[in-house]
Amino acid sequence: MSNLTEYAKNISPSLYEKLKQAVETGKWLDGSKLSEQQNADSLQLVMAYQSLFNEQPDHFSIAKGGEIHMQNKKELKDKFSQRTLSDIHLLDL
């Protein structure tokens, strides 16, 4: 495996999810902080994986084929207006 795409083809979906969470939070699952190099490398691997396997991309993520997926304002409003009260968690303070 000599390049990033080859690595991305061979990681499991669960490892992808762990890397994605680490990039999003800046921390590994054990709570330790990612170094700048770890963050950069993990982000590149997450993006490469998404470009290969992301069939249903979220707004501003990498879609299968490597294109950035963006939704217009109407699509986002429609997506979030479909939520019901059961989707919202209310806290009593």
PDB file of N, CA and C in Angstrom:
ATOM      1  N   MET A   1       0.853  -1.175   0.000  1.00  0.00           N
ATOM      2  CA  MET A   1       0.000   0.000   0.000  1.00  0.00           C
ATOM      3  C   MET A   1       0.899   1.238   0.000  1.00  0.00           C
ATOM      4  N   SER A   2       0.939   1.875  -1.120  1.00  0.00           N
ATOM      5  CA  SER A   2       1.873   2.980  -1.231  1.00  0.00           C
ATOM      6  C   SER A   2       1.208   4.343  -1.202  1.00  0.00           C
ATOM      7  N   ASN A   3      -0.105   4.417  -1.265  1.00  0.00           N
ATOM      8  CA  ASN A   3      -0.720   5.737  -1.212  1.00  0.00           C
ATOM      9  C   ASN A   3      -1.962   5.741  -0.328  1.00  0.00           C
ATOM     10  N   LEU A   4      -2.441   6.938  -0.089  1.00  0.00           N
ATOM     11  CA  LEU A   4      -3.559   7.138   0.826  1.00  0.00           C
ATOM     12  C   LEU A   4      -4.826   6.413   0.378  1.00  0.00           C
ATOM     13  N   THR A   5      -5.107   6.404  -0.904  1.00  0.00           N
ATOM     14  CA  THR A   5      -6.309   5.733  -1.413  1.00  0.00           C
ATOM     15  C   THR A   5      -6.262   4.243  -1.122  1.00  0.00           C
ATOM     16  N   GLU A   6      -5.097   3.650  -1.251  1.00  0.00           N
ATOM     17  CA  GLU A   6      -4.963   2.223  -0.947  1.00  0.00           C
ATOM     18  C   GLU A   6      -5.211   1.957   0.536  1.00  0.00           C
ATOM     19  N   TYR A   7      -4.699   2.832   1.405  1.00  0.00           N
ATOM     20  CA  TYR A   7      -4.982   2.683   2.830  1.00  0.00           C
ATOM     21  C   TYR A   7      -6.482   2.809   3.090  1.00  0.00           C
ATOM     22  N   ALA A   8      -7.111   3.807   2.463  1.00  0.00           N
ATOM     23  CA  ALA A   8      -8.540   4.045   2.674  1.00  0.00           C
ATOM     24  C   ALA A   8      -9.378   2.853   2.221  1.00  0.00           C
ATOM     25  N   LYS A   9      -8.978   2.195   1.156  1.00  0.00           N
ATOM     26  CA  LYS A   9      -9.716   1.021   0.655  1.00  0.00           C
ATOM     27  C   LYS A   9      -9.685  -0.123   1.652  1.00  0.00           C
ATOM     28  N   ASN A  10      -8.667  -0.146   2.504  1.00  0.00           N
ATOM     29  CA  ASN A  10      -8.457  -1.295   3.381  1.00  0.00           C
ATOM     30  C   ASN A  10      -8.809  -1.067   4.840  1.00  0.00           C
ATOM     31  N   ILE A  11      -9.352   0.097   5.189  1.00  0.00           N
ATOM     32  CA  ILE A  11      -9.757   0.271   6.581  1.00  0.00           C
ATOM     33  C   ILE A  11     -11.209  -0.162   6.744  1.00  0.00           C
ATOM     34  N   SER A  12     -11.532  -0.600   7.928  1.00  0.00           N
ATOM     35  CA  SER A  12     -12.894  -1.062   8.204  1.00  0.00           C
ATOM     36  C   SER A  12     -13.807   0.148   8.446  1.00  0.00           C
ATOM     37  N   PRO A  13     -15.106  -0.026   8.255  1.00  0.00           N
ATOM     38  CA  PRO A  13     -16.045   1.054   8.561  1.00  0.00           C
ATOM     39  C   PRO A  13     -15.947   1.514  10.024  1.00  0.00           C
ATOM     40  N   SER A  14     -15.682   0.588  10.943  1.00  0.00           N
ATOM     41  CA  SER A  14     -15.586   0.991  12.356  1.00  0.00           C
ATOM     42  C   SER A  14     -14.335   1.841  12.604  1.00  0.00           C
ATOM     43  N   LEU A  15     -13.226   1.510  11.941  1.00  0.00           N
ATOM     44  CA  LEU A  15     -12.028   2.340  12.077  1.00  0.00           C
ATOM     45  C   LEU A  15     -12.261   3.712  11.459  1.00  0.00           C
ATOM     46  N   TYR A  16     -12.950   3.760  10.327  1.00  0.00           N
ATOM     47  CA  TYR A  16     -13.304   5.047   9.719  1.00  0.00           C
ATOM     48  C   TYR A  16     -14.091   5.904  10.699  1.00  0.00           C
ATOM     49  N   GLU A  17     -15.102   5.314  11.347  1.00  0.00           N
ATOM     50  CA  GLU A  17     -15.923   6.065  12.304  1.00  0.00           C
ATOM     51  C   GLU A  17     -15.075   6.597  13.464  1.00  0.00           C
ATOM     52  N   LYS A  18     -14.134   5.794  13.948  1.00  0.00           N
ATOM     53  CA  LYS A  18     -13.260   6.230  15.037  1.00  0.00           C
ATOM     54  C   LYS A  18     -12.359   7.376  14.594  1.00  0.00           C
ATOM     55  N   LEU A  19     -11.811   7.274  13.391  1.00  0.00           N
ATOM     56  CA  LEU A  19     -10.966   8.351  12.866  1.00  0.00           C
ATOM     57  C   LEU A  19     -11.778   9.624  12.650  1.00  0.00           C
ATOM     58  N   LYS A  20     -12.973   9.470  12.118  1.00  0.00           N
ATOM     59  CA  LYS A  20     -13.850  10.616  11.881  1.00  0.00           C
ATOM     60  C   LYS A  20     -14.170  11.326  13.190  1.00  0.00           C
ATOM     61  N   GLN A  21     -14.486  10.549  14.223  1.00  0.00           N
ATOM     62  CA  GLN A  21     -14.796  11.134  15.524  1.00  0.00           C
ATOM     63  C   GLN A  21     -13.559  11.832  16.099  1.00  0.00           C
ATOM     64  N   ALA A  22     -12.401  11.236  15.928  1.00  0.00           N
ATOM     65  CA  ALA A  22     -11.169  11.841  16.430  1.00  0.00           C
ATOM     66  C   ALA A  22     -10.899  13.178  15.739  1.00  0.00           C
ATOM     67  N   VAL A  23     -11.118  13.231  14.440  1.00  0.00           N
ATOM     68  CA  VAL A  23     -10.911  14.482  13.698  1.00  0.00           C
ATOM     69  C   VAL A  23     -11.934  15.531  14.131  1.00  0.00           C
ATOM     70  N   GLU A  24     -13.179  15.125  14.335  1.00  0.00           N
ATOM     71  CA  GLU A  24     -14.236  16.055  14.726  1.00  0.00           C
ATOM     72  C   GLU A  24     -14.009  16.638  16.121  1.00  0.00           C
ATOM     73  N   THR A  25     -13.515  15.802  17.041  1.00  0.00           N
ATOM     74  CA  THR A  25     -13.356  16.242  18.433  1.00  0.00           C
ATOM     75  C   THR A  25     -11.940  16.689  18.770  1.00  0.00           C
ATOM     76  N   GLY A  26     -10.971  16.261  17.969  1.00  0.00           N
ATOM     77  CA  GLY A  26      -9.577  16.581  18.265  1.00  0.00           C
ATOM     78  C   GLY A  26      -8.975  15.672  19.320  1.00  0.00           C
ATOM     79  N   LYS A  27      -9.702  14.594  19.653  1.00  0.00           N
ATOM     80  CA  LYS A  27      -9.237  13.669  20.691  1.00  0.00           C
ATOM     81  C   LYS A  27      -9.439  12.236  20.246  1.00  0.00           C
ATOM     82  N   TRP A  28      -8.551  11.357  20.715  1.00  0.00           N
ATOM     83  CA  TRP A  28      -8.729   9.925  20.519  1.00  0.00           C
ATOM     84  C   TRP A  28      -9.795   9.437  21.475  1.00  0.00           C
ATOM     85  N   LEU A  29     -10.259   8.222  21.294  1.00  0.00           N
ATOM     86  CA  LEU A  29     -11.315   7.678  22.149  1.00  0.00           C
ATOM     87  C   LEU A  29     -10.929   7.626  23.610  1.00  0.00           C
ATOM     88  N   ASP A  30      -9.615   7.506  23.904  1.00  0.00           N
ATOM     89  CA  ASP A  30      -9.175   7.473  25.298  1.00  0.00           C
ATOM     90  C   ASP A  30      -9.066   8.871  25.913  1.00  0.00           C
ATOM     91  N   GLY A  31      -9.386   9.915  25.123  1.00  0.00           N
ATOM     92  CA  GLY A  31      -9.372  11.281  25.627  1.00  0.00           C
ATOM     93  C   GLY A  31      -8.090  12.047  25.365  1.00  0.00           C
ATOM     94  N   SER A  32      -7.058  11.361  24.897  1.00  0.00           N
ATOM     95  CA  SER A  32      -5.808  12.065  24.620  1.00  0.00           C
ATOM     96  C   SER A  32      -5.945  12.891  23.342  1.00  0.00           C
ATOM     97  N   LYS A  33      -5.257  14.017  23.310  1.00  0.00           N
ATOM     98  CA  LYS A  33      -5.367  14.960  22.214  1.00  0.00           C
ATOM     99  C   LYS A  33      -4.570  14.503  20.994  1.00  0.00           C
ATOM    100  N   LEU A  34      -5.132  14.720  19.801  1.00  0.00           N
ATOM    101  CA  LEU A  34      -4.410  14.437  18.564  1.00  0.00           C
ATOM    102  C   LEU A  34      -3.340  15.504  18.362  1.00  0.00           C
ATOM    103  N   SER A  35      -2.167  15.082  17.914  1.00  0.00           N
ATOM    104  CA  SER A  35      -1.147  16.058  17.535  1.00  0.00           C
ATOM    105  C   SER A  35      -1.588  16.691  16.212  1.00  0.00           C
ATOM    106  N   GLU A  36      -0.946  17.790  15.834  1.00  0.00           N
ATOM    107  CA  GLU A  36      -1.289  18.415  14.551  1.00  0.00           C
ATOM    108  C   GLU A  36      -1.078  17.446  13.399  1.00  0.00           C
ATOM    109  N   GLN A  37       0.001  16.670  13.465  1.00  0.00           N
ATOM    110  CA  GLN A  37       0.290  15.708  12.401  1.00  0.00           C
ATOM    111  C   GLN A  37      -0.744  14.590  12.372  1.00  0.00           C
ATOM    112  N   GLN A  38      -1.123  14.084  13.551  1.00  0.00           N
ATOM    113  CA  GLN A  38      -2.150  13.041  13.613  1.00  0.00           C
ATOM    114  C   GLN A  38      -3.476  13.554  13.063  1.00  0.00           C
ATOM    115  N   ASN A  39      -3.824  14.794  13.399  1.00  0.00           N
ATOM    116  CA  ASN A  39      -5.065  15.377  12.917  1.00  0.00           C
ATOM    117  C   ASN A  39      -5.045  15.513  11.392  1.00  0.00           C
ATOM    118  N   ALA A  40      -3.939  16.021  10.856  1.00  0.00           N
ATOM    119  CA  ALA A  40      -3.826  16.194   9.403  1.00  0.00           C
ATOM    120  C   ALA A  40      -3.880  14.851   8.682  1.00  0.00           C
ATOM    121  N   ASP A  41      -3.139  13.873   9.180  1.00  0.00           N
ATOM    122  CA  ASP A  41      -3.123  12.552   8.543  1.00  0.00           C
ATOM    123  C   ASP A  41      -4.486  11.870   8.637  1.00  0.00           C
ATOM    124  N   SER A  42      -5.122  11.956   9.800  1.00  0.00           N
ATOM    125  CA  SER A  42      -6.438  11.329   9.994  1.00  0.00           C
ATOM    126  C   SER A  42      -7.483  11.989   9.100  1.00  0.00           C
ATOM    127  N   LEU A  43      -7.431  13.312   8.991  1.00  0.00           N
ATOM    128  CA  LEU A  43      -8.381  14.029   8.144  1.00  0.00           C
ATOM    129  C   LEU A  43      -8.227  13.606   6.685  1.00  0.00           C
ATOM    130  N   GLN A  44      -7.000  13.478   6.224  1.00  0.00           N
ATOM    131  CA  GLN A  44      -6.773  13.045   4.844  1.00  0.00           C
ATOM    132  C   GLN A  44      -7.319  11.634   4.612  1.00  0.00           C
ATOM    133  N   LEU A  45      -7.113  10.754   5.588  1.00  0.00           N
ATOM    134  CA  LEU A  45      -7.607   9.381   5.446  1.00  0.00           C
ATOM    135  C   LEU A  45      -9.136   9.341   5.475  1.00  0.00           C
ATOM    136  N   VAL A  46      -9.754  10.141   6.342  1.00  0.00           N
ATOM    137  CA  VAL A  46     -11.216  10.219   6.396  1.00  0.00           C
ATOM    138  C   VAL A  46     -11.762  10.717   5.062  1.00  0.00           C
ATOM    139  N   MET A  47     -11.157  11.743   4.508  1.00  0.00           N
ATOM    140  CA  MET A  47     -11.617  12.289   3.230  1.00  0.00           C
ATOM    141  C   MET A  47     -11.424  11.282   2.101  1.00  0.00           C
ATOM    142  N   ALA A  48     -10.326  10.566   2.104  1.00  0.00           N
ATOM    143  CA  ALA A  48     -10.088   9.545   1.078  1.00  0.00           C
ATOM    144  C   ALA A  48     -11.121   8.431   1.194  1.00  0.00           C
ATOM    145  N   TYR A  49     -11.415   8.001   2.420  1.00  0.00           N
ATOM    146  CA  TYR A  49     -12.422   6.959   2.646  1.00  0.00           C
ATOM    147  C   TYR A  49     -13.792   7.430   2.149  1.00  0.00           C
ATOM    148  N   GLN A  50     -14.150   8.667   2.497  1.00  0.00           N
ATOM    149  CA  GLN A  50     -15.440   9.201   2.061  1.00  0.00           C
ATOM    150  C   GLN A  50     -15.537   9.241   0.542  1.00  0.00           C
ATOM    151  N   SER A  51     -14.438   9.609  -0.113  1.00  0.00           N
ATOM    152  CA  SER A  51     -14.472   9.695  -1.575  1.00  0.00           C
ATOM    153  C   SER A  51     -14.689   8.335  -2.226  1.00  0.00           C
ATOM    154  N   LEU A  52     -14.385   7.266  -1.497  1.00  0.00           N
ATOM    155  CA  LEU A  52     -14.575   5.918  -2.018  1.00  0.00           C
ATOM    156  C   LEU A  52     -15.924   5.312  -1.646  1.00  0.00           C
ATOM    157  N   PHE A  53     -16.414   5.601  -0.441  1.00  0.00           N
ATOM    158  CA  PHE A  53     -17.556   4.851   0.093  1.00  0.00           C
ATOM    159  C   PHE A  53     -18.748   5.664   0.561  1.00  0.00           C
ATOM    160  N   ASN A  54     -18.691   6.985   0.540  1.00  0.00           N
ATOM    161  CA  ASN A  54     -19.762   7.796   1.114  1.00  0.00           C
ATOM    162  C   ASN A  54     -20.936   7.930   0.145  1.00  0.00           C
ATOM    163  N   GLU A  55     -21.871   6.983   0.246  1.00  0.00           N
ATOM    164  CA  GLU A  55     -23.036   6.942  -0.640  1.00  0.00           C
ATOM    165  C   GLU A  55     -24.087   7.999  -0.298  1.00  0.00           C
ATOM    166  N   GLN A  56     -24.202   8.357   0.984  1.00  0.00           N
ATOM    167  CA  GLN A  56     -25.195   9.329   1.438  1.00  0.00           C
ATOM    168  C   GLN A  56     -24.490  10.426   2.239  1.00  0.00           C
ATOM    169  N   PRO A  57     -23.837  11.346   1.547  1.00  0.00           N
ATOM    170  CA  PRO A  57     -23.034  12.345   2.244  1.00  0.00           C
ATOM    171  C   PRO A  57     -23.863  13.388   2.978  1.00  0.00           C
ATOM    172  N   ASP A  58     -23.344  13.855   4.094  1.00  0.00           N
ATOM    173  CA  ASP A  58     -23.926  14.979   4.813  1.00  0.00           C
ATOM    174  C   ASP A  58     -23.499  16.268   4.127  1.00  0.00           C
ATOM    175  N   HIS A  59     -24.118  17.351   4.523  1.00  0.00           N
ATOM    176  CA  HIS A  59     -23.760  18.670   4.005  1.00  0.00           C
ATOM    177  C   HIS A  59     -22.282  18.946   4.279  1.00  0.00           C
ATOM    178  N   PHE A  60     -21.597  19.401   3.293  1.00  0.00           N
ATOM    179  CA  PHE A  60     -20.170  19.741   3.349  1.00  0.00           C
ATOM    180  C   PHE A  60     -19.289  18.576   3.765  1.00  0.00           C
ATOM    181  N   SER A  61     -19.563  17.415   3.208  1.00  0.00           N
ATOM    182  CA  SER A  61     -18.665  16.276   3.371  1.00  0.00           C
ATOM    183  C   SER A  61     -18.260  15.811   1.973  1.00  0.00           C
ATOM    184  N   ILE A  62     -17.363  14.854   1.931  1.00  0.00           N
ATOM    185  CA  ILE A  62     -16.891  14.345   0.658  1.00  0.00           C
ATOM    186  C   ILE A  62     -17.819  13.214   0.209  1.00  0.00           C
ATOM    187  N   ALA A  63     -18.347  13.347  -0.984  1.00  0.00           N
ATOM    188  CA  ALA A  63     -19.238  12.321  -1.539  1.00  0.00           C
ATOM    189  C   ALA A  63     -18.414  11.286  -2.289  1.00  0.00           C
ATOM    190  N   LYS A  64     -19.027  10.141  -2.537  1.00  0.00           N
ATOM    191  CA  LYS A  64     -18.367   9.113  -3.339  1.00  0.00           C
ATOM    192  C   LYS A  64     -17.990   9.733  -4.681  1.00  0.00           C
ATOM    193  N   GLY A  65     -16.777   9.524  -5.095  1.00  0.00           N
ATOM    194  CA  GLY A  65     -16.278  10.139  -6.312  1.00  0.00           C
ATOM    195  C   GLY A  65     -15.372  11.326  -6.029  1.00  0.00           C
ATOM    196  N   GLY A  66     -15.333  11.773  -4.766  1.00  0.00           N
ATOM    197  CA  GLY A  66     -14.402  12.811  -4.372  1.00  0.00           C
ATOM    198  C   GLY A  66     -14.914  14.231  -4.428  1.00  0.00           C
ATOM    199  N   GLU A  67     -16.170  14.429  -4.782  1.00  0.00           N
ATOM    200  CA  GLU A  67     -16.719  15.779  -4.853  1.00  0.00           C
ATOM    201  C   GLU A  67     -17.239  16.221  -3.488  1.00  0.00           C
ATOM    202  N   ILE A  68     -17.099  17.513  -3.181  1.00  0.00           N
ATOM    203  CA  ILE A  68     -17.668  18.056  -1.948  1.00  0.00           C
ATOM    204  C   ILE A  68     -19.178  18.152  -2.137  1.00  0.00           C
ATOM    205  N   HIS A  69     -19.904  17.594  -1.175  1.00  0.00           N
ATOM    206  CA  HIS A  69     -21.369  17.590  -1.247  1.00  0.00           C
ATOM    207  C   HIS A  69     -21.896  18.784  -0.464  1.00  0.00           C
ATOM    208  N   MET A  70     -22.621  19.640  -1.154  1.00  0.00           N
ATOM    209  CA  MET A  70     -23.244  20.791  -0.497  1.00  0.00           C
ATOM    210  C   MET A  70     -24.731  20.763  -0.790  1.00  0.00           C
ATOM    211  N   GLN A  71     -25.509  21.116   0.200  1.00  0.00           N
ATOM    212  CA  GLN A  71     -26.947  21.206   0.007  1.00  0.00           C
ATOM    213  C   GLN A  71     -27.328  22.679  -0.014  1.00  0.00           C
ATOM    214  N   ASN A  72     -28.309  23.011  -0.843  1.00  0.00           N
ATOM    215  CA  ASN A  72     -28.733  24.402  -0.867  1.00  0.00           C
ATOM    216  C   ASN A  72     -29.613  24.696   0.344  1.00  0.00           C
ATOM    217  N   LYS A  73     -29.929  25.952   0.532  1.00  0.00           N
ATOM    218  CA  LYS A  73     -30.671  26.385   1.711  1.00  0.00           C
ATOM    219  C   LYS A  73     -32.028  25.688   1.823  1.00  0.00           C
ATOM    220  N   LYS A  74     -32.718  25.527   0.693  1.00  0.00           N
ATOM    221  CA  LYS A  74     -34.028  24.872   0.716  1.00  0.00           C
ATOM    222  C   LYS A  74     -33.905  23.422   1.162  1.00  0.00           C
ATOM    223  N   GLU A  75     -32.906  22.704   0.649  1.00  0.00           N
ATOM    224  CA  GLU A  75     -32.707  21.303   1.044  1.00  0.00           C
ATOM    225  C   GLU A  75     -32.431  21.188   2.542  1.00  0.00           C
ATOM    226  N   LEU A  76     -31.612  22.089   3.065  1.00  0.00           N
ATOM    227  CA  LEU A  76     -31.309  22.061   4.497  1.00  0.00           C
ATOM    228  C   LEU A  76     -32.544  22.380   5.328  1.00  0.00           C
ATOM    229  N   LYS A  77     -33.316  23.380   4.901  1.00  0.00           N
ATOM    230  CA  LYS A  77     -34.539  23.722   5.643  1.00  0.00           C
ATOM    231  C   LYS A  77     -35.508  22.552   5.636  1.00  0.00           C
ATOM    232  N   ASP A  78     -35.667  21.915   4.487  1.00  0.00           N
ATOM    233  CA  ASP A  78     -36.557  20.752   4.389  1.00  0.00           C
ATOM    234  C   ASP A  78     -36.083  19.619   5.296  1.00  0.00           C
ATOM    235  N   LYS A  79     -34.788  19.384   5.295  1.00  0.00           N
ATOM    236  CA  LYS A  79     -34.216  18.303   6.115  1.00  0.00           C
ATOM    237  C   LYS A  79     -34.490  18.545   7.598  1.00  0.00           C
ATOM    238  N   PHE A  80     -34.282  19.776   8.053  1.00  0.00           N
ATOM    239  CA  PHE A  80     -34.444  20.055   9.474  1.00  0.00           C
ATOM    240  C   PHE A  80     -35.889  20.312   9.873  1.00  0.00           C
ATOM    241  N   SER A  81     -36.754  20.658   8.926  1.00  0.00           N
ATOM    242  CA  SER A  81     -38.161  20.864   9.264  1.00  0.00           C
ATOM    243  C   SER A  81     -38.886  19.534   9.422  1.00  0.00           C
ATOM    244  N   GLN A  82     -38.296  18.449   8.950  1.00  0.00           N
ATOM    245  CA  GLN A  82     -38.904  17.125   9.062  1.00  0.00           C
ATOM    246  C   GLN A  82     -38.726  16.531  10.454  1.00  0.00           C
ATOM    247  N   ARG A  83     -37.944  17.167  11.276  1.00  0.00           N
ATOM    248  CA  ARG A  83     -37.746  16.647  12.633  1.00  0.00           C
ATOM    249  C   ARG A  83     -39.015  16.809  13.447  1.00  0.00           C
ATOM    250  N   THR A  84     -39.229  15.868  14.329  1.00  0.00           N
ATOM    251  CA  THR A  84     -40.400  15.918  15.189  1.00  0.00           C
ATOM    252  C   THR A  84     -39.943  16.168  16.620  1.00  0.00           C
ATOM    253  N   LEU A  85     -40.904  16.347  17.512  1.00  0.00           N
ATOM    254  CA  LEU A  85     -40.569  16.570  18.914  1.00  0.00           C
ATOM    255  C   LEU A  85     -39.803  15.386  19.509  1.00  0.00           C
ATOM    256  N   SER A  86     -40.025  14.197  18.977  1.00  0.00           N
ATOM    257  CA  SER A  86     -39.289  13.030  19.495  1.00  0.00           C
ATOM    258  C   SER A  86     -37.806  13.100  19.134  1.00  0.00           C
ATOM    259  N   ASP A  87     -37.460  13.898  18.106  1.00  0.00           N
ATOM    260  CA  ASP A  87     -36.062  14.071  17.717  1.00  0.00           C
ATOM    261  C   ASP A  87     -35.346  15.093  18.600  1.00  0.00           C
ATOM    262  N   ILE A  88     -36.123  15.892  19.335  1.00  0.00           N
ATOM    263  CA  ILE A  88     -35.549  16.966  20.138  1.00  0.00           C
ATOM    264  C   ILE A  88     -35.551  16.546  21.596  1.00  0.00           C
ATOM    265  N   HIS A  89     -34.431  16.728  22.239  1.00  0.00           N
ATOM    266  CA  HIS A  89     -34.309  16.388  23.650  1.00  0.00           C
ATOM    267  C   HIS A  89     -34.429  17.653  24.485  1.00  0.00           C
ATOM    268  N   LEU A  90     -35.440  17.714  25.335  1.00  0.00           N
ATOM    269  CA  LEU A  90     -35.662  18.871  26.180  1.00  0.00           C
ATOM    270  C   LEU A  90     -35.100  18.589  27.569  1.00  0.00           C
ATOM    271  N   LEU A  91     -34.486  19.593  28.151  1.00  0.00           N
ATOM    272  CA  LEU A  91     -33.935  19.462  29.499  1.00  0.00           C
ATOM    273  C   LEU A  91     -34.711  20.338  30.452  1.00  0.00           C
ATOM    274  N   ASP A  92     -35.030  19.811  31.610  1.00  0.00           N
ATOM    275  CA  ASP A  92     -35.631  20.626  32.673  1.00  0.00           C
ATOM    276  C   ASP A  92     -34.492  21.194  33.496  1.00  0.00           C
ATOM    277  N   LEU A  93     -34.424  22.514  33.547  1.00  0.00           N
ATOM    278  CA  LEU A  93     -33.351  23.145  34.331  1.00  0.00           C
ATOM    279  C   LEU A  93     -33.881  23.703  35.617  1.00  0.00           C
TER     280      LEU A  93
END
